[in-house]
Each structure stands twice: as C-alpha cells, then as structure tokens.
Amino acid sequence: MAEYLLEMRGIVKEFSGVKAVDGIDLKVRAGEVVALCGENGAGKSTLVKVLSAVHPYGTWSGTILWQGEELKASSIRETERAGIVIIHQELMLVPQLSVAENIFLGHEPTLGAGLIDFETMYARAAQLMAEVGLPEINVALPVSYFGGGQQQLIEIAKALNKNAKLLILDEPSSSLTKTEIDGLLRLIDGLRAKGTACVYISHKLDEVAAIADTVTVIRDGTFVGTAPMAELSVDAIIRMMVGREIKNLYPREAHPVGEVIFEARHVTCYDIDNPARKRVDDVSFTLRHGEILGIAGLIGAGRTELVSTLFGAYPGRSECELFLDGKPIRIESPLRAVANGISMVPEDRKQHGIIPIMAVGHNITLSTLSRFAPRVLIDDDAELQAIHGEINRLSIKTSSPALPMTSLSGGNQQKAVIAKMLLPHPRVLILDEPTRGVDIGAKYEIYKMMFELARNGMSIIMVSSELPEILGISDRVLVIGEGQLRGDFLNDSLTQEQIMAAAITKTPLAA
C-alpha cells in the first residue's frame, strides 16, 4: 500500500508562456490535514485546479500519483469519482434549489423512468447534514434561506455525498463568524479521525496552526518547503510565505487628525423583504480629516447596510442626512457619491466590485472613464499610463493589464478594486472588509497604504469583522448592534472585550 494518498511531483502549469506554478510538490497521507500556504498569486488555486482536473491532464506537466497509481484525469467528474473533491472559495450552490437538491445535483437517486426518488434524497441529505453538525436543518428549504456558515457546511455535505477521500477547502472560513469557524475546524478534525484527508488553504494562520498536521508553502509559483506544524510557528510560516519577516502586522503610523469634514445624521434603512423592519435604526456619527474610523459589530448588525447607504448603493429604502465640510449633500447613487468625493470598496468583490470578463486595466479605470474621454474617444495612452501607475502603486500581480479580471487571484482582484476607487482621488474612502480573503503580505501592504492615505489627509471608514484589525488600524471605533449605534470609542487602550460588550449590550456605552 502506498505511503501517500496523494503525491504531486514537479507540477508545472503555464498561461501564455508565464509559469503560474513551476515545479511544485505536494504530498498528503490518508487522514492527514495539510495546509497549503502562500501569498495571493503564489499559485495555490492553480495547483488545486490541476489536481481536480479543472486544468485537465495534458495542459500541465509533472506527475500526480493517487493511491500509488498515476492519475491522468481529463475532467472534474473523473477526479470526483476517484474521491478528490474541492470546495471553492466562492460556493458552488444554486440558491433557488433546496439543500437536498444541491447536495445531490447531478447525482440524484431515481425511481426509474427519469423520476427522482425524493424520499431517499431527503433522508440521505438529512443524514449528511447531521454528520456535518446541522441535524435540525430542513433539507427541503432553498439554500438561499441559510447563512454563509450553514452554506459552507452544505458544500461539505455535498462533498461527503461524493465519498470524498481527499477534501480540498479553499479559503473556507473567509465569510464565517468565529463560532462558525470553530465548528468548521471541529468538523475537519472529525473527518480526519475517520480517515478523510484534507488540503486546507487559508490566509488565517491561526486556523492553520489549530488544524494542520503538515504545512506546505509556495511562493511566486515555486515550492518553498514542507514541515510538520509542530515544528513551525506562525512567524516561521509568514517568513516562508513572503520571504521576509513581518514583525508588526499593523504598521501603525502617527498621522494628524483634524476637524470634522463628514457627518451622517439619522441614517435609517429598511429590510428589502420586510419593509417594516429597520436594518439600520437612526445612526448618526462624524468623521474627521485624516481619521481612520473603524466600524465593528456582529455579522448581521447592519454595518454593510450603513456604509452602503452612505454611498448610495443600498438597494432598499433608506433615509439619511449627509454633510461634507458642513454643507448638505445628496447621494442617490454611487455615481453621485464619487462626484461628491466619496468612494467605496464593497464587501462582496465578486458581485459589486468587478466585471469578471473585462480586462484588469479597464476594471481599474471604470470609475474615472470620463477623465480619459474628454470628447468622444478614449485617450488610450493616458488611460494605460494611469493603469500602470495603479498596478505599480498597489503591487497588483498580473502579467498584463489586458488579461480578464478572472485571471487574477482573489487578493489581487481586491487590490484592483481598491485602485479603481482611489483613482477619483476621494476625500472619504469607505472600505468594507478590505482584507477578506487577502494573504498576510497583501494585508500589510493595504494597511501601509491606509496609513499613508490618512497621513496625506484622506478620511477613511473601515468595516471589519476582525477585531485585531479594528484595534490595529483605527483611530476611533463605532460599534453597531442590531442596527443601532452601541458605542463610539477612541482607540486608546480599547480592548476586544469592550467592543464585544458594546455589540451585545442594548444600552449604548459611553466612550
């Protein structure tokens, strides 16, 4: 019997002559959790697409051994039949279909004559959901009824239904709460005990330290090394990933904070499906010149709805009074917000931040296109100069700005969205979860950029679910709970416990 369930040897994959992965090795034993770590653009996603035959045999070079025998899969169906199942960062569920229908999609049990055996399907789906820790879930309800954490578990149940021997999890916790992450890690631990192997891809190195048996690190498409987690520290993994030591993840820099330049009064917005319910309830606050204002709160507290209203992007009914330099402004749309000097990087990059099939460069200039077309035709040279300037400024990894946005890793897509919203030279920049799905090196670069912008006088509003990030970056912190302002604190010896207490306390807490 082979020592390894999976061996990938010397994998090379090129795109237009550029090697996305160049000689990568990966080994996984049965019942082992291997963390695959690397910066955005390091080649992690390309490697697992080779493994799962998204890139079929013949489009790459090297060798894959599965249970000791060479694997030459030409389709995802073949790799899934072998027992290799990948759960992508962007969940592959059909929202309108039921939980059971999603779990069995393409593998439905039948009664003959093409009729689906719903009784068997529902019973097996309920059994699988119990295995992943959701025994009470109604598998007949559409997936859209359930939150991100539950949908992640539905994806895992779907993988278990395919008799996965190797489960590949690509950034599985990027949209989960801490409680949901703890549940996910317990589930993986249970799968490991039953002999299921996992490749765990995550930028959250505390999760890696908690769950991994072995860590494999790649950098710029090349293999850096593999070691048991017991022999590594988080700092050592960071050094392997970025090729240097990052002593202080939050490179806090002193910057002057001036007078109030922006004020929001009585921000209220209503639930789209239930107009009688307020998602944000009469929130008022100020923002100062050069200030970084963090907005914290539990998921579902109304943080995104609040900042979307400020930017004119909330899809439901909303009310607010906005003032810039003491003068009232009206913002009915994102276009009007940008015209008034307010830019926003949205939480959902895929849905609201990019046009996937459009070129990287054209995505970047989308918010300022009129600047490059003073008459009718676009000044291509001026536009290209601006594009290259932003790519260099934010260190966006792309072989060409003419490539589609989908060719970039998630972190580099995020940088491109930030570049797009910086091009209008805003006075107020709203960042909603700016480092979600971004590796530690790119996070550090984004933080440094934020401090530089603040030092140069830009005012920043940052929404984040990560309390260390809120405390490491913000000058002042607003806490939102159930749509209401629960606290307004100067970030002076402020603690995570104080923020959480404010988030769950009905009565607003004094600074």
Protein backbone atom coordinates (compact mmCIF):
# COMPACT_ATOMS: atom_id res chain seq x y z
CA MET A 1 0.00 0.00 0.00
CA ALA A 2 1.33 3.46 -0.92
CA GLU A 3 2.62 5.66 1.91
CA TYR A 4 0.80 8.69 0.49
CA LEU A 5 -2.80 9.00 -0.62
CA LEU A 6 -1.71 11.82 -2.97
CA GLU A 7 1.63 12.82 -4.45
CA MET A 8 2.07 15.74 -6.82
CA ARG A 9 5.58 15.84 -8.26
CA GLY A 10 7.17 18.71 -10.16
CA ILE A 11 3.88 20.25 -11.33
CA VAL A 12 4.32 22.99 -13.93
CA LYS A 13 1.41 24.98 -15.38
CA GLU A 14 1.86 27.86 -17.85
CA PHE A 15 -0.50 30.54 -19.08
CA SER A 16 0.64 32.34 -22.26
CA GLY A 17 4.25 31.42 -21.52
CA VAL A 18 4.07 32.56 -17.88
CA LYS A 19 4.58 29.80 -15.30
CA ALA A 20 1.84 30.06 -12.67
CA VAL A 21 3.31 27.04 -10.89
CA ASP A 22 6.85 25.88 -11.50
CA GLY A 23 7.93 22.55 -10.06
CA ILE A 24 5.53 22.24 -7.12
CA ASP A 25 5.47 19.13 -4.89
CA LEU A 26 2.59 18.23 -2.57
CA LYS A 27 2.15 15.05 -0.51
CA VAL A 28 -0.87 14.04 1.58
CA ARG A 29 -1.39 10.92 3.70
CA ALA A 30 -4.80 9.40 4.40
CA GLY A 31 -6.37 11.11 7.41
CA GLU A 32 -3.88 14.00 7.28
CA VAL A 33 -4.66 17.71 7.17
CA VAL A 34 -2.11 19.55 5.01
CA ALA A 35 -2.24 23.35 4.99
CA LEU A 36 -1.26 24.91 1.67
CA CYS A 37 0.01 28.42 2.33
CA GLY A 38 1.25 31.24 0.13
CA GLU A 39 0.54 34.82 -0.80
CA ASN A 40 -2.14 35.81 -3.30
CA GLY A 41 -0.88 34.87 -6.74
CA ALA A 42 1.54 32.29 -5.34
CA GLY A 43 -0.13 29.52 -7.36
CA LYS A 44 -2.30 27.77 -4.74
CA SER A 45 -5.54 27.90 -6.72
CA THR A 46 -3.78 26.88 -9.95
CA LEU A 47 -2.26 23.87 -8.18
CA VAL A 48 -5.60 22.59 -6.86
CA LYS A 49 -7.22 23.21 -10.26
CA VAL A 50 -4.56 20.93 -11.75
CA LEU A 51 -5.30 18.34 -9.06
CA SER A 52 -9.08 18.47 -9.57
CA ALA A 53 -8.76 18.48 -13.40
CA VAL A 54 -10.21 21.93 -13.89
CA HIS A 55 -6.95 22.05 -15.84
CA PRO A 56 -7.09 18.55 -17.39
CA TYR A 57 -4.20 16.17 -17.97
CA GLY A 58 -2.14 17.30 -20.94
CA THR A 59 -2.39 21.03 -20.15
CA TRP A 60 0.31 20.80 -17.46
CA SER A 61 3.49 18.80 -16.87
CA GLY A 62 4.64 16.73 -13.92
CA THR A 63 3.15 13.67 -12.22
CA ILE A 64 0.16 13.05 -9.97
CA LEU A 65 0.03 9.77 -8.05
CA TRP A 66 -3.29 8.84 -6.44
CA GLN A 67 -3.19 5.87 -4.08
CA GLY A 68 0.13 4.92 -5.67
CA GLU A 69 -1.08 5.00 -9.29
CA GLU A 70 -0.65 7.75 -11.85
CA LEU A 71 -3.74 9.94 -12.25
CA LYS A 72 -4.43 11.37 -15.72
CA ALA A 73 -7.86 12.89 -15.22
CA SER A 74 -9.43 14.88 -18.03
CA SER A 75 -12.50 16.14 -16.13
CA ILE A 76 -13.75 17.09 -12.68
CA ARG A 77 -16.15 14.15 -12.84
CA GLU A 78 -13.17 11.77 -13.07
CA THR A 79 -11.39 13.25 -10.06
CA GLU A 80 -14.59 13.26 -8.02
CA ARG A 81 -15.19 9.64 -8.97
CA ALA A 82 -11.70 8.89 -7.62
CA GLY A 83 -12.56 10.66 -4.36
CA ILE A 84 -10.95 14.10 -4.82
CA VAL A 85 -13.45 16.88 -4.11
CA ILE A 86 -12.75 20.62 -3.99
CA ILE A 87 -14.82 23.24 -2.18
CA HIS A 88 -14.04 26.57 -3.82
CA GLN A 89 -13.78 29.91 -2.03
CA GLU A 90 -16.85 31.04 -3.99
CA LEU A 91 -19.50 28.49 -3.04
CA MET A 92 -20.91 26.49 -5.95
CA LEU A 93 -24.51 26.26 -4.76
CA VAL A 94 -27.75 27.05 -6.60
CA PRO A 95 -29.62 29.41 -4.23
CA GLN A 96 -33.10 28.61 -5.58
CA LEU A 97 -32.73 24.84 -5.20
CA SER A 98 -33.28 23.03 -1.91
CA VAL A 99 -30.48 21.83 0.35
CA ALA A 100 -31.14 18.24 -0.73
CA GLU A 101 -31.22 19.14 -4.45
CA ASN A 102 -27.88 20.94 -4.10
CA ILE A 103 -26.28 18.03 -2.28
CA PHE A 104 -27.38 15.58 -4.99
CA LEU A 105 -27.07 17.90 -8.00
CA GLY A 106 -26.11 15.71 -10.97
CA HIS A 107 -26.28 12.54 -8.82
CA GLU A 108 -29.99 12.36 -8.00
CA PRO A 109 -31.39 8.95 -6.94
CA THR A 110 -34.14 7.82 -9.31
CA LEU A 111 -37.17 5.58 -9.26
CA GLY A 112 -36.80 4.75 -12.92
CA ALA A 113 -38.28 6.41 -15.99
CA GLY A 114 -36.31 9.54 -15.06
CA LEU A 115 -38.27 10.21 -11.86
CA ILE A 116 -36.31 11.48 -8.84
CA ASP A 117 -36.60 9.49 -5.61
CA PHE A 118 -37.21 12.49 -3.35
CA GLU A 119 -37.88 10.37 -0.25
CA THR A 120 -34.45 8.72 -0.46
CA MET A 121 -32.78 12.01 -1.39
CA TYR A 122 -34.25 13.92 1.57
CA ALA A 123 -33.44 11.13 4.03
CA ARG A 124 -29.81 10.88 2.88
CA ALA A 125 -29.46 14.68 2.80
CA ALA A 126 -30.72 14.92 6.39
CA GLN A 127 -28.23 12.23 7.43
CA LEU A 128 -25.36 14.11 5.78
CA MET A 129 -26.36 17.42 7.38
CA ALA A 130 -26.38 15.69 10.78
CA GLU A 131 -22.85 14.44 10.05
CA VAL A 132 -21.64 18.00 9.44
CA GLY A 133 -23.28 19.29 12.61
CA LEU A 134 -26.65 20.61 11.38
CA PRO A 135 -29.14 17.88 12.39
CA GLU A 136 -32.12 20.24 12.64
CA ILE A 137 -31.86 21.80 9.19
CA ASN A 138 -34.85 21.46 6.85
CA VAL A 139 -33.28 19.99 3.71
CA ALA A 140 -36.40 20.83 1.65
CA LEU A 141 -35.84 24.58 2.01
CA PRO A 142 -33.91 26.57 -0.62
CA VAL A 143 -30.22 27.20 0.12
CA SER A 144 -30.92 30.96 0.00
CA TYR A 145 -32.69 30.64 3.37
CA PHE A 146 -29.41 29.89 5.12
CA GLY A 147 -26.40 31.98 6.11
CA GLY A 148 -22.81 31.73 4.90
CA GLY A 149 -21.67 29.36 7.64
CA GLN A 150 -24.53 26.95 7.03
CA GLN A 151 -23.97 27.10 3.26
CA GLN A 152 -20.31 26.20 3.81
CA LEU A 153 -21.45 23.09 5.71
CA ILE A 154 -23.92 22.26 2.93
CA GLU A 155 -20.97 22.30 0.50
CA ILE A 156 -19.09 19.89 2.77
CA ALA A 157 -22.13 17.60 2.98
CA LYS A 158 -22.25 17.70 -0.83
CA ALA A 159 -18.59 16.60 -0.90
CA LEU A 160 -19.19 13.79 1.59
CA ASN A 161 -22.04 12.55 -0.61
CA LYS A 162 -19.44 12.06 -3.32
CA ASN A 163 -17.45 9.78 -0.97
CA ALA A 164 -14.54 12.18 -0.73
CA LYS A 165 -11.26 10.62 0.32
CA LEU A 166 -9.46 13.96 -0.13
CA LEU A 167 -11.31 17.20 0.60
CA ILE A 168 -9.75 20.43 -0.67
CA LEU A 169 -11.00 23.51 1.18
CA ASP A 170 -10.07 26.82 -0.49
CA GLU A 171 -10.42 29.72 2.00
CA PRO A 172 -13.39 28.02 3.70
CA SER A 173 -13.67 30.50 6.58
CA SER A 174 -13.44 33.82 4.72
CA SER A 175 -17.12 34.63 5.34
CA LEU A 176 -17.65 32.82 8.64
CA THR A 177 -18.02 34.04 12.20
CA LYS A 178 -15.62 32.83 14.90
CA THR A 179 -18.25 30.42 16.21
CA GLU A 180 -18.80 29.03 12.72
CA ILE A 181 -15.03 28.72 12.18
CA ASP A 182 -14.68 26.77 15.44
CA GLY A 183 -17.44 24.44 14.25
CA LEU A 184 -15.74 24.00 10.87
CA LEU A 185 -12.42 23.09 12.48
CA ARG A 186 -14.15 20.55 14.75
CA LEU A 187 -15.80 19.02 11.67
CA ILE A 188 -12.45 18.72 9.86
CA ASP A 189 -10.97 17.12 12.96
CA GLY A 190 -13.80 14.59 12.93
CA LEU A 191 -13.24 13.83 9.23
CA ARG A 192 -9.53 13.33 9.92
CA ALA A 193 -10.39 10.80 12.63
CA LYS A 194 -12.47 8.86 10.07
CA GLY A 195 -9.55 8.78 7.61
CA THR A 196 -10.58 11.60 5.25
CA ALA A 197 -7.60 13.71 4.17
CA CYS A 198 -7.85 17.48 3.77
CA VAL A 199 -5.87 20.15 1.96
CA TYR A 200 -6.68 23.36 3.82
CA ILE A 201 -5.95 26.64 2.03
CA SER A 202 -6.20 29.70 4.27
CA HIS A 203 -4.61 33.06 4.91
CA LYS A 204 -5.72 32.83 8.54
CA LEU A 205 -2.63 31.31 10.07
CA ASP A 206 -4.20 30.86 13.50
CA GLU A 207 -6.57 28.37 11.84
CA VAL A 208 -3.64 26.68 10.11
CA ALA A 209 -1.84 26.32 13.46
CA ALA A 210 -5.00 24.91 15.07
CA ILE A 211 -5.91 22.26 12.47
CA ALA A 212 -2.91 21.33 10.28
CA ASP A 213 -0.67 18.30 10.71
CA THR A 214 1.69 19.47 7.96
CA VAL A 215 2.29 22.79 6.21
CA THR A 216 3.41 23.20 2.59
CA VAL A 217 4.40 26.71 1.49
CA ILE A 218 4.71 28.01 -2.07
CA ARG A 219 5.91 31.43 -3.18
CA ASP A 220 5.71 33.01 -6.65
CA GLY A 221 4.74 29.67 -8.16
CA THR A 222 7.69 27.76 -6.69
CA PHE A 223 7.97 25.23 -3.88
CA VAL A 224 9.43 26.68 -0.67
CA GLY A 225 9.14 23.77 1.74
CA THR A 226 7.08 21.31 3.77
CA ALA A 227 7.30 20.77 7.53
CA PRO A 228 5.20 19.38 10.39
CA MET A 229 3.11 22.09 12.05
CA ALA A 230 4.59 21.01 15.39
CA GLU A 231 7.99 22.27 14.19
CA LEU A 232 6.71 25.64 12.94
CA SER A 233 5.43 28.87 14.40
CA VAL A 234 3.10 31.36 12.74
CA ASP A 235 6.05 33.75 12.31
CA ALA A 236 8.05 30.99 10.59
CA ILE A 237 5.19 30.34 8.14
CA ILE A 238 4.98 34.07 7.38
CA ARG A 239 8.72 34.19 6.65
CA MET A 240 8.37 31.23 4.29
CA MET A 241 5.37 32.82 2.56
CA VAL A 242 6.70 36.34 2.00
CA GLY A 243 10.45 35.75 2.06
CA ARG A 244 10.92 38.25 4.86
CA GLU A 245 9.95 38.82 8.45
CA ILE A 246 6.89 40.94 9.26
CA LYS A 247 7.48 42.00 12.86
CA ASN A 248 4.37 44.14 13.21
CA LEU A 249 1.36 43.26 11.08
CA TYR A 250 -0.25 46.61 11.87
CA PRO A 251 2.37 49.21 10.84
CA ARG A 252 0.71 51.97 12.80
CA GLU A 253 1.99 55.42 11.90
CA ALA A 254 1.31 58.71 13.64
CA HIS A 255 -0.87 60.97 11.50
CA PRO A 256 -2.68 64.19 12.30
CA VAL A 257 -6.46 64.04 12.78
CA GLY A 258 -8.17 67.34 12.05
CA GLU A 259 -11.63 68.82 12.21
CA VAL A 260 -14.89 67.12 11.24
CA ILE A 261 -15.25 67.03 7.45
CA PHE A 262 -18.08 64.49 7.04
CA GLU A 263 -21.21 63.94 9.08
CA ALA A 264 -24.03 61.41 8.76
CA ARG A 265 -27.26 62.06 10.65
CA HIS A 266 -30.24 59.78 11.27
CA VAL A 267 -29.14 57.02 8.87
CA THR A 268 -32.02 54.56 8.64
CA CYS A 269 -32.57 51.78 6.13
CA TYR A 270 -35.27 49.17 5.83
CA ASP A 271 -35.15 45.47 5.09
CA ILE A 272 -35.73 44.71 1.41
CA ASP A 273 -38.04 41.74 2.06
CA ASN A 274 -39.71 43.12 5.18
CA PRO A 275 -40.08 46.93 4.87
CA ALA A 276 -41.41 47.15 8.44
CA ARG A 277 -38.03 46.03 9.81
CA LYS A 278 -35.18 48.50 10.16
CA ARG A 279 -31.72 47.16 9.25
CA VAL A 280 -30.13 50.44 10.41
CA ASP A 281 -32.00 52.47 13.01
CA ASP A 282 -31.28 56.21 13.32
CA VAL A 283 -27.45 56.10 13.39
CA SER A 284 -25.51 59.38 13.47
CA PHE A 285 -21.75 59.92 13.54
CA THR A 286 -18.94 62.23 12.41
CA LEU A 287 -15.66 61.65 10.55
CA ARG A 288 -12.60 63.86 10.89
CA HIS A 289 -9.96 64.94 8.40
CA GLY A 290 -7.26 62.24 8.17
CA GLU A 291 -9.10 59.92 10.56
CA ILE A 292 -9.40 56.13 10.23
CA LEU A 293 -12.81 55.26 11.67
CA GLY A 294 -13.38 51.56 12.32
CA ILE A 295 -16.89 50.09 12.35
CA ALA A 296 -17.26 46.88 14.36
CA GLY A 297 -20.16 44.63 15.26
CA LEU A 298 -21.50 41.13 14.87
CA ILE A 299 -22.39 39.79 11.43
CA GLY A 300 -25.91 40.97 10.56
CA ALA A 301 -25.63 44.03 12.81
CA GLY A 302 -26.19 46.43 9.89
CA ARG A 303 -22.61 47.59 9.21
CA THR A 304 -22.66 46.96 5.46
CA GLU A 305 -26.17 48.41 5.14
CA LEU A 306 -24.95 51.56 6.92
CA VAL A 307 -21.98 52.24 4.64
CA SER A 308 -23.92 51.19 1.52
CA THR A 309 -26.48 53.88 2.36
CA LEU A 310 -23.73 56.49 2.67
CA PHE A 311 -22.50 55.51 -0.80
CA GLY A 312 -25.96 55.48 -2.38
CA ALA A 313 -25.74 51.74 -3.00
CA TYR A 314 -28.28 50.30 -0.57
CA PRO A 315 -30.91 48.53 -2.72
CA GLY A 316 -33.83 49.05 -0.32
CA ARG A 317 -35.50 52.15 1.11
CA SER A 318 -33.23 54.37 3.16
CA GLU A 319 -33.08 57.83 4.75
CA CYS A 320 -30.17 59.97 5.89
CA GLU A 321 -28.78 63.49 6.11
CA LEU A 322 -25.20 63.85 4.89
CA PHE A 323 -22.85 66.80 5.25
CA LEU A 324 -19.42 67.43 3.73
CA ASP A 325 -17.48 70.43 5.04
CA GLY A 326 -20.65 71.42 6.89
CA LYS A 327 -22.70 71.63 3.69
CA PRO A 328 -25.57 69.21 2.96
CA ILE A 329 -25.04 66.79 0.08
CA ARG A 330 -27.48 64.43 -1.64
CA ILE A 331 -26.28 61.00 -2.70
CA GLU A 332 -28.85 58.98 -4.62
CA SER A 333 -26.34 56.69 -6.37
CA PRO A 334 -22.69 55.60 -6.31
CA LEU A 335 -22.10 57.93 -9.27
CA ARG A 336 -23.24 60.90 -7.18
CA ALA A 337 -21.13 59.67 -4.25
CA VAL A 338 -17.97 59.60 -6.37
CA ALA A 339 -18.82 63.04 -7.77
CA ASN A 340 -19.05 64.31 -4.16
CA GLY A 341 -15.66 62.86 -3.24
CA ILE A 342 -16.79 59.61 -1.58
CA SER A 343 -15.52 56.22 -2.80
CA MET A 344 -16.30 52.74 -1.52
CA VAL A 345 -14.70 49.29 -1.82
CA PRO A 346 -17.65 46.88 -1.31
CA GLU A 347 -17.73 43.78 0.88
CA ASP A 348 -18.76 41.43 -1.96
CA ARG A 349 -16.00 41.92 -4.51
CA LYS A 350 -17.36 39.35 -6.95
CA GLN A 351 -20.87 40.76 -7.12
CA HIS A 352 -20.32 44.50 -6.64
CA GLY A 353 -16.63 45.24 -7.20
CA ILE A 354 -15.56 43.80 -10.55
CA ILE A 355 -16.71 42.95 -14.05
CA PRO A 356 -15.12 39.47 -14.33
CA ILE A 357 -14.78 39.23 -18.11
CA MET A 358 -13.46 42.78 -18.51
CA ALA A 359 -9.73 43.44 -18.61
CA VAL A 360 -7.91 44.22 -15.37
CA GLY A 361 -6.95 47.67 -16.62
CA HIS A 362 -10.43 48.59 -17.77
CA ASN A 363 -11.83 47.49 -14.40
CA ILE A 364 -9.40 49.88 -12.70
CA THR A 365 -10.40 52.91 -14.81
CA LEU A 366 -14.12 52.18 -14.77
CA SER A 367 -14.90 54.78 -12.09
CA THR A 368 -12.99 57.56 -13.90
CA LEU A 369 -13.57 56.76 -17.56
CA SER A 370 -14.77 60.26 -18.38
CA ARG A 371 -11.35 61.58 -17.36
CA PHE A 372 -9.79 59.72 -20.31
CA ALA A 373 -12.51 60.66 -22.81
CA PRO A 374 -12.78 64.46 -22.75
CA ARG A 375 -14.61 64.39 -26.07
CA VAL A 376 -15.81 61.15 -27.67
CA LEU A 377 -12.83 58.82 -27.97
CA ILE A 378 -10.85 57.43 -25.05
CA ASP A 379 -7.24 58.56 -24.81
CA ASP A 380 -5.73 55.07 -24.70
CA ASP A 381 -2.21 56.27 -23.84
CA ALA A 382 -3.38 58.35 -20.87
CA GLU A 383 -5.60 55.52 -19.65
CA LEU A 384 -2.79 52.97 -19.93
CA GLN A 385 -0.40 55.26 -18.08
CA ALA A 386 -2.90 55.56 -15.22
CA ILE A 387 -3.45 51.80 -15.19
CA HIS A 388 0.28 51.03 -14.95
CA GLY A 389 0.63 53.64 -12.23
CA GLU A 390 -2.04 51.98 -10.08
CA ILE A 391 -0.74 48.46 -10.76
CA ASN A 392 2.72 49.53 -9.59
CA ARG A 393 1.42 51.54 -6.62
CA LEU A 394 -0.61 48.64 -5.20
CA SER A 395 1.77 45.87 -6.41
CA ILE A 396 -1.00 44.11 -8.36
CA LYS A 397 0.37 40.84 -9.76
CA THR A 398 -0.65 40.46 -13.39
CA SER A 399 1.38 39.65 -16.48
CA SER A 400 -0.74 42.10 -18.50
CA PRO A 401 -3.49 44.64 -17.73
CA ALA A 402 -5.26 43.32 -20.83
CA LEU A 403 -5.99 39.96 -19.16
CA PRO A 404 -9.53 39.40 -17.82
CA MET A 405 -10.12 40.14 -14.14
CA THR A 406 -10.76 36.45 -13.51
CA SER A 407 -7.09 35.70 -14.29
CA LEU A 408 -6.07 37.41 -11.04
CA SER A 409 -6.05 35.78 -7.61
CA GLY A 410 -8.69 36.97 -5.14
CA GLY A 411 -6.25 39.21 -3.29
CA ASN A 412 -5.04 40.88 -6.46
CA GLN A 413 -8.63 41.40 -7.57
CA GLN A 414 -9.17 43.17 -4.25
CA LYS A 415 -6.18 45.42 -4.88
CA ALA A 416 -7.57 46.25 -8.33
CA VAL A 417 -10.93 47.25 -6.79
CA ILE A 418 -9.10 49.49 -4.29
CA ALA A 419 -7.13 51.04 -7.17
CA LYS A 420 -10.39 51.71 -9.05
CA MET A 421 -11.86 53.55 -6.07
CA LEU A 422 -8.68 55.55 -5.39
CA LEU A 423 -8.42 56.87 -8.95
CA PRO A 424 -11.16 59.50 -8.39
CA HIS A 425 -8.99 60.93 -5.55
CA PRO A 426 -11.76 60.75 -2.92
CA ARG A 427 -11.80 62.75 0.27
CA VAL A 428 -13.69 59.96 2.08
CA LEU A 429 -12.82 56.33 1.37
CA ILE A 430 -15.12 53.57 2.66
CA LEU A 431 -13.55 50.11 2.93
CA ASP A 432 -15.97 47.26 3.70
CA GLU A 433 -13.97 44.18 4.78
CA PRO A 434 -10.90 45.35 2.78
CA THR A 435 -8.67 42.36 3.65
CA ARG A 436 -11.17 39.49 3.39
CA GLY A 437 -9.52 36.62 1.50
CA VAL A 438 -6.22 38.51 1.34
CA ASP A 439 -2.90 36.98 2.37
CA ILE A 440 -0.82 38.36 5.21
CA GLY A 441 1.71 40.11 2.96
CA ALA A 442 -1.03 41.87 0.99
CA LYS A 443 -2.81 42.80 4.23
CA TYR A 444 0.37 44.51 5.42
CA GLU A 445 0.57 46.44 2.13
CA ILE A 446 -3.09 47.52 2.41
CA TYR A 447 -2.56 48.70 5.99
CA LYS A 448 0.51 50.71 5.00
CA MET A 449 -1.45 52.25 2.14
CA MET A 450 -4.27 53.21 4.54
CA PHE A 451 -1.89 54.97 6.91
CA GLU A 452 -0.23 56.77 4.01
CA LEU A 453 -3.61 57.96 2.71
CA ALA A 454 -4.61 59.16 6.19
CA ARG A 455 -1.29 60.94 6.63
CA ASN A 456 -1.98 62.75 3.35
CA GLY A 457 -5.38 63.89 4.64
CA MET A 458 -7.81 61.28 3.34
CA SER A 459 -10.56 60.24 5.78
CA ILE A 460 -11.26 56.50 5.92
CA ILE A 461 -14.20 54.43 7.17
CA MET A 462 -13.30 50.75 7.58
CA VAL A 463 -15.78 47.96 8.31
CA SER A 464 -14.14 44.78 9.58
CA SER A 465 -15.20 41.56 11.29
CA GLU A 466 -11.67 41.04 12.59
CA LEU A 467 -11.32 42.81 15.93
CA PRO A 468 -7.48 42.73 15.92
CA GLU A 469 -7.65 44.59 12.60
CA ILE A 470 -10.10 47.14 14.01
CA LEU A 471 -7.85 47.76 17.03
CA GLY A 472 -4.64 47.71 14.99
CA ILE A 473 -5.75 50.26 12.39
CA SER A 474 -8.47 52.58 13.73
CA ASP A 475 -8.16 55.96 15.44
CA ARG A 476 -11.75 55.66 16.63
CA VAL A 477 -14.25 52.79 16.69
CA LEU A 478 -18.02 52.77 16.19
CA VAL A 479 -19.82 49.65 17.40
CA ILE A 480 -23.10 48.68 15.71
CA GLY A 481 -25.55 46.22 17.24
CA GLU A 482 -28.93 45.24 15.78
CA GLY A 483 -28.81 48.29 13.52
CA GLN A 484 -28.16 50.76 16.34
CA LEU A 485 -25.08 52.67 17.44
CA ARG A 486 -23.94 50.91 20.61
CA GLY A 487 -20.62 52.65 21.18
CA ASP A 488 -18.26 55.39 19.95
CA PHE A 489 -14.77 54.88 21.37
CA LEU A 490 -11.37 56.50 20.95
CA ASN A 491 -8.90 53.70 20.24
CA ASP A 492 -6.84 54.37 23.34
CA SER A 493 -6.25 51.17 25.32
CA LEU A 494 -9.51 49.86 23.81
CA THR A 495 -9.91 46.06 24.06
CA GLN A 496 -11.74 43.38 22.11
CA GLU A 497 -13.77 42.63 25.23
CA GLN A 498 -15.03 46.23 25.37
CA ILE A 499 -16.05 46.13 21.71
CA MET A 500 -17.88 42.81 22.12
CA ALA A 501 -19.62 44.04 25.28
CA ALA A 502 -20.89 47.08 23.38
CA ALA A 503 -22.00 44.93 20.43
CA ILE A 504 -24.26 42.75 22.58
CA THR A 505 -25.47 45.39 25.06
CA LYS A 506 -28.81 47.04 24.35
CA THR A 507 -27.88 50.35 26.02
CA PRO A 508 -25.25 52.42 24.15
CA LEU A 509 -21.95 52.58 26.03
CA ALA A 510 -20.10 55.83 26.63
CA ALA A 511 -16.63 56.33 25.20
